[in-house]
Protein backbone atom coordinates (compact mmCIF):
# COMPACT_ATOMS: atom_id res chain seq x y z
CA UNK A 1 47.26 -198.21 19.90
CA UNK A 2 48.99 -199.58 22.85
CA UNK A 3 52.37 -199.00 21.67
CA UNK A 4 51.91 -195.62 20.58
CA UNK A 5 53.41 -192.91 22.96
CA UNK A 6 50.84 -190.16 22.54
CA UNK A 7 50.74 -186.59 24.66
CA UNK A 8 47.19 -185.97 24.65
CA UNK A 9 45.94 -182.25 25.01
CA UNK A 10 49.58 -180.78 25.05
CA UNK A 11 50.78 -180.08 21.63
CA UNK A 12 54.37 -181.39 20.72
CA UNK A 13 55.75 -177.62 20.91
CA UNK A 14 54.17 -176.75 24.26
CA UNK A 15 55.54 -179.97 25.32
CA UNK A 16 59.07 -179.20 24.08
CA UNK A 17 58.75 -175.69 25.67
CA UNK A 18 58.27 -177.12 29.02
CA UNK A 19 61.05 -179.61 28.50
CA UNK A 20 63.49 -176.53 27.67
CA UNK A 21 61.86 -174.58 30.90
CA UNK A 22 62.56 -177.81 33.29
CA UNK A 23 66.28 -177.69 31.95
CA UNK A 24 66.97 -174.10 31.99
CA UNK A 25 65.49 -174.08 35.64
CA UNK A 26 67.80 -176.85 36.79
CA UNK A 27 70.91 -174.87 35.22
CA UNK A 28 73.04 -173.91 38.43
CA UNK A 29 73.07 -170.07 37.54
CA UNK A 30 69.55 -169.98 37.33
CA UNK A 31 68.64 -171.93 40.15
CA UNK A 32 71.25 -169.99 42.37
CA UNK A 33 69.80 -166.55 41.06
CA UNK A 34 66.16 -167.41 42.17
CA UNK A 35 67.28 -168.95 45.58
CA UNK A 36 69.17 -165.87 46.16
CA UNK A 37 67.78 -163.14 45.02
CA UNK A 38 64.65 -164.06 43.32
CA UNK A 39 61.22 -165.11 44.33
CA UNK A 40 61.81 -168.46 45.47
CA UNK A 41 58.15 -169.36 45.79
CA UNK A 42 57.94 -168.75 41.66
CA UNK A 43 61.25 -171.12 40.99
CA UNK A 44 59.28 -173.83 43.03
CA UNK A 45 55.92 -173.38 41.40
CA UNK A 46 57.42 -173.45 37.97
CA UNK A 47 59.65 -176.32 38.86
CA UNK A 48 56.79 -178.53 40.07
CA UNK A 49 54.49 -178.00 37.51
CA UNK A 50 57.46 -178.11 34.48
CA UNK A 51 58.15 -181.74 35.91
CA UNK A 52 54.62 -183.16 36.35
CA UNK A 53 53.57 -181.83 33.18
CA UNK A 54 56.42 -183.22 31.39
CA UNK A 55 56.36 -186.85 33.41
CA UNK A 56 52.52 -187.23 33.24
CA UNK A 57 52.39 -188.51 29.38
CA UNK A 58 55.26 -190.87 30.12
CA UNK A 59 53.66 -192.07 33.25
CA UNK A 60 50.20 -192.96 31.21
CA UNK A 61 52.55 -194.49 28.42
CA UNK A 62 54.22 -196.88 31.19
CA UNK A 63 50.70 -197.51 32.79
CA UNK A 64 49.38 -198.64 29.31
CA UNK A 65 52.39 -200.90 28.62
CA UNK A 66 52.23 -202.36 31.63
CA UNK A 67 48.34 -202.86 32.10
CA UNK A 68 47.91 -200.58 35.46
CA UNK A 69 44.63 -199.09 34.23
CA UNK A 70 41.41 -198.31 35.92
CA UNK A 71 38.67 -200.27 34.22
CA UNK A 72 34.88 -199.43 34.19
CA UNK A 73 32.66 -201.11 36.72
CA UNK A 74 29.45 -200.48 38.59
CA UNK A 75 31.31 -198.77 41.10
CA UNK A 76 32.76 -195.88 39.23
CA UNK A 77 31.30 -193.47 36.82
CA UNK A 78 34.05 -193.55 34.00
CA UNK A 79 33.23 -195.71 30.58
CA UNK A 80 36.93 -196.28 29.48
CA UNK A 81 39.86 -197.92 30.97
CA UNK A 82 42.09 -195.00 31.88
CA UNK A 83 45.85 -195.44 32.57
CA UNK A 84 46.99 -194.88 36.43
CA UNK A 85 50.32 -193.63 37.65
CA UNK A 86 49.47 -189.90 37.25
CA UNK A 87 50.36 -189.92 40.90
CA UNK A 88 54.09 -190.75 40.12
CA UNK A 89 54.07 -187.69 37.92
CA UNK A 90 52.53 -185.20 40.67
CA UNK A 91 54.82 -187.06 43.43
CA UNK A 92 58.01 -186.66 41.57
CA UNK A 93 57.13 -183.05 40.54
CA UNK A 94 56.56 -182.16 44.37
CA UNK A 95 59.69 -184.18 45.21
CA UNK A 96 61.99 -182.26 42.49
CA UNK A 97 60.93 -179.04 43.44
CA UNK A 98 61.80 -179.58 46.94
CA UNK A 99 64.95 -181.03 46.33
CA UNK A 100 65.88 -178.68 43.76
CA UNK A 101 65.64 -175.82 46.16
CA UNK A 102 67.28 -177.48 49.11
CA UNK A 103 64.21 -177.51 51.37
CA UNK A 104 65.52 -179.65 54.29
CA UNK A 105 64.24 -179.54 57.69
CA UNK A 106 63.88 -182.57 60.14
CA UNK A 107 60.03 -182.14 60.05
CA UNK A 108 60.19 -181.75 56.04
CA UNK A 109 62.27 -184.85 55.92
CA UNK A 110 60.05 -186.88 57.89
CA UNK A 111 56.64 -185.72 55.63
CA UNK A 112 58.61 -187.01 52.58
CA UNK A 113 59.79 -189.90 54.05
CA UNK A 114 56.09 -190.85 55.05
CA UNK A 115 54.89 -189.55 51.81
CA UNK A 116 57.36 -191.65 49.92
CA UNK A 117 55.80 -194.54 52.13
CA UNK A 118 52.30 -194.02 51.11
CA UNK A 119 53.07 -193.44 47.54
CA UNK A 120 54.69 -196.91 47.50
CA UNK A 121 51.72 -198.66 48.72
CA UNK A 122 49.41 -196.55 46.65
CA UNK A 123 51.40 -197.58 43.90
CA UNK A 124 51.16 -201.24 44.83
CA UNK A 125 47.41 -200.81 45.02
CA UNK A 126 46.96 -199.33 41.46
CA UNK A 127 48.79 -202.37 40.23
CA UNK A 128 47.16 -205.02 42.49
CA UNK A 129 44.42 -203.90 44.58
CA UNK A 130 45.46 -204.48 48.25
CA UNK A 131 43.20 -205.01 51.43
CA UNK A 132 41.65 -201.41 52.95
CA UNK A 133 42.94 -202.24 56.17
CA UNK A 134 46.63 -202.51 55.12
CA UNK A 135 46.21 -199.25 53.37
CA UNK A 136 45.05 -197.68 56.90
CA UNK A 137 47.44 -199.60 59.23
CA UNK A 138 49.83 -197.87 56.83
CA UNK A 139 48.46 -194.53 57.13
CA UNK A 140 48.58 -194.59 61.12
CA UNK A 141 52.40 -195.56 60.84
CA UNK A 142 53.18 -192.54 58.63
CA UNK A 143 51.23 -190.28 60.87
CA UNK A 144 53.10 -191.71 63.93
CA UNK A 145 56.06 -190.95 62.00
CA UNK A 146 55.64 -187.32 61.22
CA UNK A 147 54.50 -187.00 64.78
CA UNK A 148 57.43 -188.29 66.26
CA UNK A 149 59.18 -185.31 64.62
CA UNK A 150 56.69 -182.55 66.18
CA UNK A 151 54.06 -182.32 63.74
CA UNK A 152 51.49 -182.44 66.42
CA UNK A 153 48.11 -180.30 66.75
CA UNK A 154 48.08 -178.26 69.69
CA UNK A 155 44.37 -177.48 69.87
CA UNK A 156 44.17 -178.34 73.59
CA UNK A 157 46.19 -176.29 76.00
CA UNK A 158 49.19 -177.66 77.33
CA UNK A 159 48.56 -176.25 80.64
CA UNK A 160 45.97 -179.70 80.86
CA UNK A 161 49.04 -181.84 81.17
CA UNK A 162 49.16 -185.23 80.18
CA UNK A 163 45.56 -184.83 79.08
CA UNK A 164 46.46 -182.20 76.45
CA UNK A 165 49.19 -184.56 75.16
CA UNK A 166 47.16 -187.10 74.64
CA UNK A 167 44.31 -185.37 73.30
CA UNK A 168 46.25 -183.59 70.82
CA UNK A 169 47.93 -186.75 69.65
CA UNK A 170 44.68 -188.44 69.07
CA UNK A 171 43.49 -185.32 67.04
CA UNK A 172 46.29 -184.85 64.87
CA UNK A 173 45.92 -188.64 63.95
CA UNK A 174 42.40 -188.32 63.26
CA UNK A 175 43.38 -185.12 60.90
CA UNK A 176 45.93 -186.74 59.11
CA UNK A 177 44.10 -190.26 58.34
CA UNK A 178 40.78 -188.47 57.65
CA UNK A 179 41.98 -185.86 55.32
CA UNK A 180 44.08 -188.35 53.64
CA UNK A 181 41.27 -190.86 53.07
CA UNK A 182 38.48 -188.10 52.45
CA UNK A 183 41.02 -186.81 49.46
CA UNK A 184 41.05 -190.53 48.16
CA UNK A 185 37.29 -190.60 48.47
CA UNK A 186 37.21 -187.60 46.07
CA UNK A 187 39.24 -188.68 43.59
CA UNK A 188 35.99 -190.15 41.83
CA UNK A 189 35.70 -187.82 38.60
CA UNK A 190 38.03 -186.24 36.15
CA UNK A 191 40.16 -182.88 37.89
CA UNK A 192 38.42 -183.31 41.12
CA UNK A 193 41.31 -184.61 43.46
CA UNK A 194 43.90 -182.70 41.47
CA UNK A 195 42.21 -179.30 41.24
CA UNK A 196 40.72 -179.37 44.86
CA UNK A 197 44.42 -179.95 46.34
CA UNK A 198 45.51 -177.28 43.98
CA UNK A 199 43.10 -175.19 45.31
CA UNK A 200 43.90 -175.79 49.03
CA UNK A 201 47.47 -175.99 48.41
CA UNK A 202 47.19 -172.44 47.06
CA UNK A 203 45.18 -170.79 49.93
CA UNK A 204 47.38 -172.52 52.27
CA UNK A 205 50.56 -170.80 50.64
CA UNK A 206 48.71 -167.48 50.96
CA UNK A 207 48.11 -167.86 54.49
CA UNK A 208 51.66 -168.91 55.10
CA UNK A 209 52.79 -165.72 53.70
CA UNK A 210 50.44 -163.89 55.37
CA UNK A 211 51.75 -165.51 58.64
CA UNK A 212 55.26 -164.89 57.52
CA UNK A 213 56.33 -168.78 57.06
CA UNK A 214 58.02 -168.80 53.76
CA UNK A 215 59.11 -172.20 54.26
CA UNK A 216 55.61 -173.67 54.52
CA UNK A 217 54.60 -171.49 51.41
CA UNK A 218 57.43 -173.06 49.61
CA UNK A 219 56.17 -176.79 50.19
CA UNK A 220 52.44 -175.84 49.54
CA UNK A 221 53.51 -174.15 46.27
CA UNK A 222 55.48 -177.24 45.23
CA UNK A 223 52.29 -179.40 45.99
CA UNK A 224 50.27 -176.55 43.74
CA UNK A 225 52.69 -176.60 41.02
CA UNK A 226 52.67 -180.24 41.06
CA UNK A 227 48.69 -180.78 40.62
CA UNK A 228 48.59 -177.89 37.83
CA UNK A 229 51.28 -179.76 35.94
CA UNK A 230 49.04 -182.72 36.13
CA UNK A 231 45.59 -181.26 35.68
CA UNK A 232 45.49 -180.32 31.75
CA UNK A 233 45.64 -184.21 31.21
CA UNK A 234 43.10 -185.12 34.01
CA UNK A 235 40.64 -182.31 33.54
CA UNK A 236 39.20 -181.39 29.78
CA UNK A 237 35.98 -179.73 29.27
CA UNK A 238 35.48 -181.61 25.85
CA UNK A 239 36.58 -184.67 26.21
CA UNK A 240 37.35 -187.24 29.25
CA UNK A 241 40.80 -187.51 31.59
CA UNK A 242 43.51 -189.26 29.49
CA UNK A 243 45.15 -190.66 32.92
CA UNK A 244 44.11 -190.66 36.65
CA UNK A 245 45.81 -190.04 39.96
CA UNK A 246 45.58 -193.49 41.48
CA UNK A 247 45.84 -194.13 45.01
CA UNK A 248 49.44 -193.20 44.53
CA UNK A 249 48.39 -189.53 43.78
CA UNK A 250 45.59 -189.06 45.65
CA UNK A 251 46.34 -190.32 48.83
CA UNK A 252 49.99 -188.80 49.16
CA UNK A 253 48.28 -185.22 48.24
CA UNK A 254 45.71 -185.64 51.22
CA UNK A 255 48.68 -186.82 53.51
CA UNK A 256 50.93 -183.69 52.48
CA UNK A 257 48.20 -181.19 52.60
CA UNK A 258 46.93 -182.42 56.04
CA UNK A 259 50.78 -182.08 57.43
CA UNK A 260 51.41 -178.77 55.80
CA UNK A 261 48.27 -177.76 58.07
CA UNK A 262 49.09 -179.13 61.24
CA UNK A 263 53.17 -177.91 60.42
CA UNK A 264 51.79 -174.21 60.16
CA UNK A 265 51.20 -171.77 62.84
CA UNK A 266 48.28 -169.99 61.66
CA UNK A 267 47.86 -167.30 64.68
CA UNK A 268 49.96 -167.02 67.96
CA UNK A 269 47.48 -164.57 69.41
CA UNK A 270 44.32 -165.99 68.52
CA UNK A 271 43.46 -169.62 69.03
CA UNK A 272 40.01 -169.56 67.34
CA UNK A 273 41.52 -167.84 64.47
CA UNK A 274 44.49 -170.77 64.20
CA UNK A 275 41.77 -173.52 64.54
CA UNK A 276 39.20 -171.75 61.93
CA UNK A 277 41.83 -171.03 59.06
CA UNK A 278 42.44 -174.78 58.10
CA UNK A 279 38.97 -175.86 58.88
CA UNK A 280 37.76 -173.35 56.14
CA UNK A 281 40.21 -174.49 53.62
CA UNK A 282 39.51 -178.15 54.11
CA UNK A 283 35.96 -177.63 54.70
CA UNK A 284 34.52 -179.14 51.51
CA UNK A 285 36.81 -182.51 52.33
CA UNK A 286 35.46 -182.50 56.27
CA UNK A 287 31.93 -181.77 55.37
CA UNK A 288 31.78 -184.77 52.76
CA UNK A 289 33.69 -187.09 55.22
CA UNK A 290 31.23 -186.32 58.09
CA UNK A 291 28.14 -186.32 55.80
CA UNK A 292 28.75 -189.85 54.15
CA UNK A 293 29.58 -191.52 57.55
CA UNK A 294 26.45 -190.43 59.34
CA UNK A 295 24.27 -190.86 56.17
CA UNK A 296 25.71 -194.81 56.12
CA UNK A 297 25.42 -195.20 59.34
CA UNK A 298 21.77 -193.95 59.78
CA UNK A 299 20.64 -195.83 56.57
CA UNK A 300 22.34 -199.33 57.52
CA UNK A 301 24.69 -199.24 54.93
CA UNK A 302 27.50 -199.71 57.29
CA UNK A 303 27.24 -201.34 60.82
CA UNK A 304 30.98 -201.52 62.08
CA UNK A 305 34.46 -199.53 61.24
CA UNK A 306 35.65 -202.43 59.25
CA UNK A 307 32.24 -202.23 56.93
CA UNK A 308 33.04 -198.26 56.99
CA UNK A 309 36.48 -198.73 55.68
CA UNK A 310 35.38 -201.33 52.73
CA UNK A 311 32.45 -199.52 51.67
CA UNK A 312 32.74 -197.80 48.20
CA UNK A 313 29.55 -195.87 46.84
CA UNK A 314 28.46 -193.00 44.91
CA UNK A 315 26.88 -190.89 47.53
CA UNK A 316 29.65 -188.42 47.89
CA UNK A 317 29.27 -184.74 47.73
CA UNK A 318 30.33 -184.90 43.82
CA UNK A 319 27.97 -187.56 43.03
CA UNK A 320 25.20 -185.96 44.37
CA UNK A 321 26.13 -182.39 43.07
CA UNK A 322 26.49 -184.29 39.47
CA UNK A 323 22.92 -185.55 39.59
CA UNK A 324 21.62 -182.46 40.48
CA UNK A 325 23.37 -180.28 38.16
CA UNK A 326 23.17 -182.47 35.26
CA UNK A 327 26.72 -183.47 34.66
CA UNK A 328 29.79 -184.69 36.28
CA UNK A 329 32.11 -181.32 35.31
CA UNK A 330 29.72 -179.04 36.47
CA UNK A 331 29.87 -180.93 39.89
CA UNK A 332 33.51 -180.54 39.51
CA UNK A 333 33.50 -176.85 38.77
CA UNK A 334 31.10 -176.14 41.44
CA UNK A 335 33.49 -177.81 43.91
CA UNK A 336 36.12 -175.66 42.70
CA UNK A 337 34.01 -172.55 43.10
CA UNK A 338 32.46 -173.67 46.71
CA UNK A 339 36.64 -174.12 47.77
CA UNK A 340 37.34 -170.97 46.59
CA UNK A 341 34.58 -169.08 48.51
CA UNK A 342 35.73 -170.62 51.61
CA UNK A 343 39.40 -170.30 50.89
CA UNK A 344 39.15 -166.67 50.30
CA UNK A 345 37.18 -166.63 53.82
CA UNK A 346 40.02 -168.29 55.55
CA UNK A 347 42.41 -165.41 54.10
CA UNK A 348 40.23 -163.09 55.36
CA UNK A 349 40.07 -164.69 58.89
CA UNK A 350 43.45 -163.49 59.13
CA UNK A 351 42.57 -159.87 60.20
CA UNK A 352 39.15 -160.99 62.08
CA UNK A 353 38.50 -161.15 65.68
CA UNK A 354 37.85 -164.26 67.45
CA UNK A 355 33.59 -163.46 67.30
CA UNK A 356 34.51 -162.87 63.46
CA UNK A 357 36.31 -166.06 63.14
CA UNK A 358 32.99 -167.88 64.68
CA UNK A 359 30.58 -166.23 62.50
CA UNK A 360 32.59 -167.41 59.81
CA UNK A 361 32.65 -171.15 60.42
CA UNK A 362 28.43 -170.52 61.13
CA UNK A 363 28.62 -169.21 57.77
CA UNK A 364 30.42 -171.89 56.25
CA UNK A 365 28.40 -174.59 58.05
CA UNK A 366 25.00 -172.76 56.64
CA UNK A 367 26.53 -172.33 52.94
CA UNK A 368 27.10 -175.99 52.91
CA UNK A 369 23.79 -176.88 54.70
CA UNK A 370 21.71 -175.06 52.26
CA UNK A 371 23.93 -176.74 49.49
CA UNK A 372 22.79 -180.03 51.07
CA UNK A 373 19.15 -178.96 51.03
CA UNK A 374 19.29 -178.22 47.41
CA UNK A 375 20.90 -181.26 46.19
CA UNK A 376 18.42 -183.53 48.11
CA UNK A 377 15.70 -181.46 46.89
CA UNK A 378 16.97 -181.75 43.40
CA UNK A 379 17.25 -185.84 43.99
CA UNK A 380 13.77 -185.84 45.31
CA UNK A 381 12.57 -184.04 42.25
CA UNK A 382 14.61 -186.17 39.98
CA UNK A 383 13.08 -189.60 41.43
CA UNK A 384 9.59 -188.44 41.54
CA UNK A 385 10.18 -187.33 37.70
CA UNK A 386 11.36 -191.17 36.96
CA UNK A 387 8.52 -192.54 38.60
CA UNK A 388 5.91 -190.40 36.65
CA UNK A 389 7.87 -191.65 33.38
CA UNK A 390 7.29 -195.17 34.54
CA UNK A 391 3.62 -194.84 35.34
CA UNK A 392 2.93 -192.98 31.86
CA UNK A 393 4.74 -195.92 29.96
């Protein structure tokens, strides 16, 4: 078992076809045709998908050989030791597509360097757990790196001078680190982080092309393709995942997507639209981060920032939905659909007036609030039924 190279879910013929696809796409004439006259986003998407799909079983095999496994315990929902290092396949799928397409710019290079640092730290954490404060400190350094290349939010108007600059820097750090950790927290069920990242990348890409930012759309396409290439191994309806992303994958995906959102110019004429579009696309992550933070403080589970970053619980949105819906896969599919609904609103928002943008944000808040009420009610009923069963026994 330990020394067996197994390609789960992907038939050997499909695996060979994907290998052939990768080789074909890397041939100079084919590459030149796509770059000069073909739809470049298709090339980025196919190549990142192909590399990720091909490398995932290889990374799983290496993880098994090296004992880099995620073992079950009381804090986790999986029941069997599962290889990590899936994040390596996703990262190299993304990186390979970017390099093969010659997508280089100072800001993108800063993003790639920062992502590589986060990947290395995440890989160390997958091999041997490292303290949460070390990871947080690394994330802050990476955020400072990309900001030094101009990837900074411009939420506060520049007419406020130094206050605007300071406020936008703080908001950017908060956004980058918040989304990075939120995605890491969401990597708690099969297919959740990779599928959610792919969906977010898809909508970021659509909005990027709506706003005539093809470069940004290509980057989003590379993230989406890498996630889709990994997903068949990580989310399977009839059985469990054969490999996990690990910290090396989830933190890098969260950071890259957060950077893409800041990098983009979502509307030059409507500030409310520019703010609301990425908020709607990332709404599930933002809602969950805010919800668990408030809930843990109110219930006394955490009393300090140090306790907050060290706390690991089963109180995230996907855990609560799984309890109500009666299964983890149902929870993951529900979150997919929720993200699709909110992402569609972000696409529609492009052509909306500022008032409509406010209404869409209110609608998203009410929508998720209703889900919270339902999940809490369902959880209460579940607890009541357990109490009744105990009283009868």
